[in-house]
Amino acid sequence: MKMCISSLSNMNKFKYKSTDESIMYNKCMSPCLNYFLNFLPRCLAPNLITVISLGLNIFASVVSYNEGGFDFSHQLKSFTCHIIGICQLL
């Protein structure tokens, strides 16, 4: 029992650290995301940003499916490709 209580007391000292040492993240993704974060209000919750991103990706998938299906047998229009690309980027 004492071991469990001492382990719980260390929870207050725990600091979550996530690192990504990949070149793609450090040189491309992180600077781009930090730039776009300047345009979002500070009161916006991170989980809401994730849900909005999911909604945009679902919208892009629906547009892609309605235009030509998922079997890649039809060539998509240029406008549709631009919409899908913008949704994926955002």
Protein backbone atom coordinates (compact mmCIF):
# COMPACT_ATOMS: atom_id res chain seq x y z
CA MET A 1 0.00 0.00 0.00
CA LYS A 2 2.83 2.43 0.77
CA MET A 3 4.32 1.90 -2.67
CA CYS A 4 1.03 2.90 -4.32
CA ILE A 5 0.71 6.09 -2.23
CA SER A 6 4.27 7.18 -3.00
CA SER A 7 3.65 6.61 -6.70
CA LEU A 8 0.57 8.82 -6.57
CA SER A 9 2.48 11.62 -4.87
CA ASN A 10 4.84 11.74 -7.85
CA MET A 11 1.94 12.48 -10.21
CA ASN A 12 2.07 16.16 -9.23
CA LYS A 13 5.66 16.37 -10.47
CA PHE A 14 4.94 14.69 -13.82
CA LYS A 15 5.47 16.87 -16.90
CA TYR A 16 4.32 15.55 -20.26
CA LYS A 17 6.93 16.03 -22.95
CA SER A 18 6.33 15.02 -26.51
CA THR A 19 9.11 15.26 -29.02
CA ASP A 20 9.27 14.57 -32.70
CA GLU A 21 12.76 14.55 -34.12
CA SER A 22 11.75 13.94 -37.75
CA ILE A 23 13.00 16.34 -40.41
CA MET A 24 9.54 16.68 -41.95
CA TYR A 25 8.01 17.85 -38.67
CA ASN A 26 10.84 20.17 -37.60
CA LYS A 27 11.47 21.83 -40.98
CA CYS A 28 8.02 21.85 -42.58
CA MET A 29 5.05 20.97 -40.38
CA SER A 30 5.96 22.83 -37.20
CA PRO A 31 6.78 26.21 -38.84
CA CYS A 32 3.65 26.05 -41.01
CA LEU A 33 1.39 25.13 -38.09
CA ASN A 34 2.90 27.82 -35.87
CA TYR A 35 2.27 30.38 -38.63
CA PHE A 36 -1.38 29.36 -39.02
CA LEU A 37 -1.92 29.35 -35.24
CA ASN A 38 -1.39 33.12 -35.26
CA PHE A 39 -4.70 33.49 -37.12
CA LEU A 40 -6.77 31.53 -34.58
CA PRO A 41 -8.23 33.12 -31.47
CA ARG A 42 -6.50 32.15 -28.22
CA CYS A 43 -9.81 31.15 -26.61
CA LEU A 44 -10.32 28.33 -29.15
CA ALA A 45 -9.90 24.94 -27.46
CA PRO A 46 -7.39 22.50 -29.02
CA ASN A 47 -10.04 19.75 -29.13
CA LEU A 48 -12.33 22.02 -31.12
CA ILE A 49 -9.54 22.59 -33.66
CA THR A 50 -9.22 18.80 -33.98
CA VAL A 51 -12.98 18.34 -34.47
CA ILE A 52 -13.06 21.08 -37.13
CA SER A 53 -10.14 19.38 -38.89
CA LEU A 54 -11.98 16.06 -38.81
CA GLY A 55 -15.09 17.73 -40.26
CA LEU A 56 -13.06 19.23 -43.12
CA ASN A 57 -11.50 15.86 -43.90
CA ILE A 58 -14.90 14.18 -43.92
CA PHE A 59 -16.19 16.94 -46.21
CA ALA A 60 -13.23 16.38 -48.57
CA SER A 61 -13.95 12.64 -48.63
CA VAL A 62 -17.64 13.23 -49.40
CA VAL A 63 -16.78 15.64 -52.21
CA SER A 64 -14.30 13.13 -53.64
CA TYR A 65 -16.82 10.30 -53.44
CA ASN A 66 -19.63 12.33 -55.03
CA GLU A 67 -17.40 13.44 -57.87
CA GLY A 68 -15.95 10.11 -58.89
CA GLY A 69 -16.20 7.47 -56.21
CA PHE A 70 -13.40 5.79 -54.35
CA ASP A 71 -12.40 3.38 -57.13
CA PHE A 72 -10.18 5.98 -58.91
CA SER A 73 -11.77 5.19 -62.27
CA HIS A 74 -12.85 8.80 -62.90
CA GLN A 75 -10.66 11.83 -63.26
CA LEU A 76 -11.64 14.59 -60.84
CA LYS A 77 -12.23 18.13 -62.01
CA SER A 78 -9.56 20.70 -61.24
CA PHE A 79 -11.92 22.66 -58.98
CA THR A 80 -12.72 19.53 -56.96
CA CYS A 81 -9.02 18.79 -56.50
CA HIS A 82 -8.47 22.33 -55.24
CA ILE A 83 -11.35 22.02 -52.74
CA ILE A 84 -10.02 18.68 -51.48
CA GLY A 85 -6.48 20.07 -51.20
CA ILE A 86 -7.62 23.12 -49.24
CA CYS A 87 -9.69 20.98 -46.87
CA GLN A 88 -6.74 18.64 -46.30
CA LEU A 89 -4.38 21.57 -45.65
CA LEU A 90 -6.73 23.26 -43.21
